[in-house]
C-alpha atoms as a PDB file:
ATOM      1  CA  MET A   1     132.755  83.191  87.127  1.00  0.00           C
ATOM      2  CA  THR A   2     133.256  86.747  88.639  1.00  0.00           C
ATOM      3  CA  GLU A   3     132.471  88.188  91.915  1.00  0.00           C
ATOM      4  CA  THR A   4     130.096  90.909  89.634  1.00  0.00           C
ATOM      5  CA  LYS A   5     128.272  88.417  88.338  1.00  0.00           C
ATOM      6  CA  ARG A   6     127.597  86.149  91.362  1.00  0.00           C
ATOM      7  CA  ARG A   7     125.703  88.869  92.864  1.00  0.00           C
ATOM      8  CA  SER A   8     122.114  89.695  92.870  1.00  0.00           C
ATOM      9  CA  ILE A   9     121.079  92.537  91.677  1.00  0.00           C
ATOM     10  CA  LEU A  10     119.903  94.247  95.392  1.00  0.00           C
ATOM     11  CA  GLU A  11     123.353  93.090  96.168  1.00  0.00           C
ATOM     12  CA  ARG A  12     124.348  95.530  93.217  1.00  0.00           C
ATOM     13  CA  ILE A  13     122.326  98.151  93.776  1.00  0.00           C
ATOM     14  CA  VAL A  14     122.364  98.187  97.676  1.00  0.00           C
ATOM     15  CA  GLY A  15     125.199  96.948  98.543  1.00  0.00           C
ATOM     16  CA  LYS A  16     125.942  93.981 101.122  1.00  0.00           C
ATOM     17  CA  PRO A  17     123.510  93.773 104.245  1.00  0.00           C
ATOM     18  CA  LEU A  18     125.703  94.071 106.973  1.00  0.00           C
ATOM     19  CA  PRO A  19     124.582  91.801 110.529  1.00  0.00           C
ATOM     20  CA  TRP A  20     125.876  94.621 112.964  1.00  0.00           C
ATOM     21  CA  LEU A  21     123.746  97.118 110.869  1.00  0.00           C
ATOM     22  CA  ALA A  22     120.357  95.061 110.806  1.00  0.00           C
ATOM     23  CA  TRP A  23     121.011  94.410 114.634  1.00  0.00           C
ATOM     24  CA  THR A  24     121.278  98.377 115.028  1.00  0.00           C
ATOM     25  CA  TRP A  25     118.369  98.948 112.947  1.00  0.00           C
ATOM     26  CA  ALA A  26     116.436  96.270 115.551  1.00  0.00           C
ATOM     27  CA  ALA A  27     117.559  97.510 118.911  1.00  0.00           C
ATOM     28  CA  LEU A  28     116.484 101.620 117.324  1.00  0.00           C
ATOM     29  CA  ALA A  29     112.811  99.901 116.992  1.00  0.00           C
ATOM     30  CA  VAL A  30     112.971  98.278 120.374  1.00  0.00           C
ATOM     31  CA  ILE A  31     113.745 102.055 121.555  1.00  0.00           C
ATOM     32  CA  TRP A  32     110.750 103.259 119.567  1.00  0.00           C
ATOM     33  CA  ILE A  33     108.478 100.495 121.091  1.00  0.00           C
ATOM     34  CA  VAL A  34     109.383 101.489 124.440  1.00  0.00           C
ATOM     35  CA  LEU A  35     108.959 104.948 124.263  1.00  0.00           C
ATOM     36  CA  ALA A  36     105.177 104.408 122.383  1.00  0.00           C
ATOM     37  CA  ILE A  37     104.731 102.035 125.825  1.00  0.00           C
ATOM     38  CA  VAL A  38     106.090 104.436 128.125  1.00  0.00           C
ATOM     39  CA  ASP A  39     104.506 107.869 126.472  1.00  0.00           C
ATOM     40  CA  PRO A  40     101.832 106.632 124.217  1.00  0.00           C
ATOM     41  CA  SER A  41     101.327 109.644 121.124  1.00  0.00           C
ATOM     42  CA  GLY A  42     100.911 109.108 117.816  1.00  0.00           C
ATOM     43  CA  PHE A  43     104.701 110.230 116.925  1.00  0.00           C
ATOM     44  CA  HIS A  44     105.969 107.270 119.261  1.00  0.00           C
ATOM     45  CA  THR A  45     103.341 104.840 117.616  1.00  0.00           C
ATOM     46  CA  PHE A  46     104.425 105.995 114.161  1.00  0.00           C
ATOM     47  CA  MET A  47     108.013 105.289 114.870  1.00  0.00           C
ATOM     48  CA  ALA A  48     107.694 102.411 116.644  1.00  0.00           C
ATOM     49  CA  ILE A  49     106.242 101.122 113.450  1.00  0.00           C
ATOM     50  CA  THR A  50     108.534 102.325 110.606  1.00  0.00           C
ATOM     51  CA  TRP A  51     111.273 101.382 112.701  1.00  0.00           C
ATOM     52  CA  SER A  52     109.780  97.394 113.528  1.00  0.00           C
ATOM     53  CA  VAL A  53     109.243  97.315 108.927  1.00  0.00           C
ATOM     54  CA  LEU A  54     112.568  98.569 108.251  1.00  0.00           C
ATOM     55  CA  ALA A  55     114.333  96.491 110.938  1.00  0.00           C
ATOM     56  CA  ILE A  56     112.469  93.291 109.631  1.00  0.00           C
ATOM     57  CA  VAL A  57     113.633  94.436 105.928  1.00  0.00           C
ATOM     58  CA  GLN A  58     116.761  94.505 107.024  1.00  0.00           C
ATOM     59  CA  LEU A  59     117.365  91.599 109.263  1.00  0.00           C
ATOM     60  CA  SER A  60     115.553  90.042 106.381  1.00  0.00           C
ATOM     61  CA  ALA A  61     118.045  90.935 104.002  1.00  0.00           C
ATOM     62  CA  ALA A  62     121.259  89.714 105.860  1.00  0.00           C
ATOM     63  CA  TYR A  63     119.797  86.450 106.949  1.00  0.00           C
ATOM     64  CA  TYR A  64     119.188  86.208 102.275  1.00  0.00           C
ATOM     65  CA  ALA A  65     122.425  87.408 102.036  1.00  0.00           C
ATOM     66  CA  ARG A  66     124.401  84.971 104.682  1.00  0.00           C
ATOM     67  CA  LYS A  67     122.446  81.904 102.994  1.00  0.00           C
ATOM     68  CA  GLN A  68     123.204  83.040  99.516  1.00  0.00           C
ATOM     69  CA  GLU A  69     126.745  82.851 100.576  1.00  0.00           C
ATOM     70  CA  LEU A  70     126.856  79.864 101.804  1.00  0.00           C
ATOM     71  CA  ARG A  71     124.956  78.379  99.143  1.00  0.00           C
ATOM     72  CA  ARG A  72     127.680  79.691  97.028  1.00  0.00           C
ATOM     73  CA  ALA A  73     130.524  78.741  98.867  1.00  0.00           C
ATOM     74  CA  PRO A  74     130.590  75.094  98.012  1.00  0.00           C
ATOM     75  CA  THR A  75     130.179  75.892  93.937  1.00  0.00           C
ATOM     76  CA  ALA A  76     133.285  78.456  94.661  1.00  0.00           C
ATOM     77  CA  GLU A  77     135.189  75.680  95.619  1.00  0.00           C
ATOM     78  CA  ALA A  78     134.652  73.511  92.957  1.00  0.00           C
ATOM     79  CA  ASP A  79     135.325  76.235  90.467  1.00  0.00           C
ATOM     80  CA  THR A  80     138.527  76.470  91.890  1.00  0.00           C
ATOM     81  CA  ALA A  81     139.381  73.027  92.159  1.00  0.00           C
ATOM     82  CA  ALA A  82     138.761  72.348  88.516  1.00  0.00           C
ATOM     83  CA  HIS A  83     141.142  75.347  87.457  1.00  0.00           C
END
């Protein structure tokens, strides 16, 4: 099976999530949370919530992609051994 057929629909549309990028989003979310605590305003609170949600989505996508990659690894070795 080719690489294109193994990728999920989400990976085809968005691409493979990168763990370092997901952690960067999480760091930005933490910065906004700190700003919302230090200088409470509607904007800081909104940005803290928004970046937190986006960071959670990014981290979840990276975790899911890694889990899928680990699940595919044994089958890829079996496919190459059979040919």
